[in-house]
């Protein structure tokens, strides 16, 4: 088995920090990043798609409203 080991060059990479990122919902998760701190508005635990709380949007009503608005006027 051939194993190649490459050493990283010194003094060219940014310093990374291990931080605790926080969400508005109160969720926290640990990251390794070049930032000092991180606050996000939405995370995977509160996002409707990932949390399973998707709402069905009434697109038929919007389409009818659009057709009514732009059908007769020129």
Protein backbone atom coordinates (compact mmCIF):
# COMPACT_ATOMS: atom_id res chain seq x y z
CA UNK A 1 0.00 0.00 0.00
CA UNK A 2 1.39 3.36 -1.06
CA UNK A 3 0.81 6.18 1.39
CA UNK A 4 1.65 9.74 0.49
CA UNK A 5 2.13 12.20 3.30
CA UNK A 6 2.16 15.87 2.47
CA UNK A 7 3.08 18.38 5.13
CA UNK A 8 1.21 21.67 5.15
CA UNK A 9 3.29 24.75 4.49
CA UNK A 10 4.00 26.88 7.53
CA UNK A 11 2.60 30.39 8.03
CA UNK A 12 0.33 30.52 4.95
CA UNK A 13 -2.90 29.10 6.39
CA UNK A 14 -5.31 31.21 8.45
CA UNK A 15 -5.72 30.46 12.13
CA UNK A 16 -8.83 28.38 12.82
CA UNK A 17 -10.92 28.49 15.95
CA UNK A 18 -13.27 25.93 17.43
CA UNK A 19 -16.42 27.92 18.22
CA UNK A 20 -19.99 27.30 19.29
CA UNK A 21 -22.35 28.71 16.65
CA UNK A 22 -25.78 29.71 17.91
CA UNK A 23 -29.14 30.02 16.21
CA UNK A 24 -32.03 32.31 17.06
CA UNK A 25 -34.10 29.24 18.04
CA UNK A 26 -31.57 28.49 20.78
CA UNK A 27 -29.80 25.63 19.02
CA UNK A 28 -26.03 25.47 19.28
CA UNK A 29 -23.46 23.46 17.38
CA UNK A 30 -19.67 23.27 17.34
CA UNK A 31 -17.69 24.35 14.27
CA UNK A 32 -14.08 24.84 13.29
CA UNK A 33 -13.81 28.09 11.39
CA UNK A 34 -11.70 31.19 10.87
CA UNK A 35 -14.44 33.33 12.48
CA UNK A 36 -14.41 34.39 16.13
CA UNK A 37 -18.16 33.82 16.61
CA UNK A 38 -21.18 32.93 14.50
CA UNK A 39 -24.90 33.60 14.95
CA UNK A 40 -27.36 32.34 12.35
CA UNK A 41 -31.03 33.12 11.77
CA UNK A 42 -32.10 29.61 10.86
CA UNK A 43 -30.51 26.20 11.34
CA UNK A 44 -31.32 22.61 10.40
CA UNK A 45 -33.32 22.04 13.60
CA UNK A 46 -35.69 24.99 13.05
CA UNK A 47 -35.80 25.13 9.21
CA UNK A 48 -39.27 24.01 8.07
CA UNK A 49 -37.93 21.64 5.40
CA UNK A 50 -35.59 19.76 7.73
CA UNK A 51 -37.87 19.94 10.79
CA UNK A 52 -40.80 18.44 8.84
CA UNK A 53 -43.17 21.35 9.41
CA UNK A 54 -43.61 22.45 5.79
CA UNK A 55 -46.80 24.33 5.07
CA UNK A 56 -48.65 23.90 1.79
CA UNK A 57 -48.98 27.28 0.11
CA UNK A 58 -52.18 28.10 -1.75
CA UNK A 59 -50.70 28.82 -5.17
CA UNK A 60 -54.05 28.46 -6.95
CA UNK A 61 -55.35 31.57 -5.20
CA UNK A 62 -52.30 33.56 -6.23
CA UNK A 63 -52.58 32.42 -9.85
CA UNK A 64 -56.26 33.39 -9.99
CA UNK A 65 -55.47 36.77 -8.46
CA UNK A 66 -52.73 37.34 -11.07
CA UNK A 67 -55.01 36.36 -13.96
CA UNK A 68 -57.80 38.59 -12.66
CA UNK A 69 -55.44 41.53 -12.25
CA UNK A 70 -53.82 41.34 -15.70
CA UNK A 71 -56.48 39.73 -17.92
CA UNK A 72 -58.66 42.64 -19.05
CA UNK A 73 -56.39 45.66 -18.91
CA UNK A 74 -54.12 46.70 -21.75
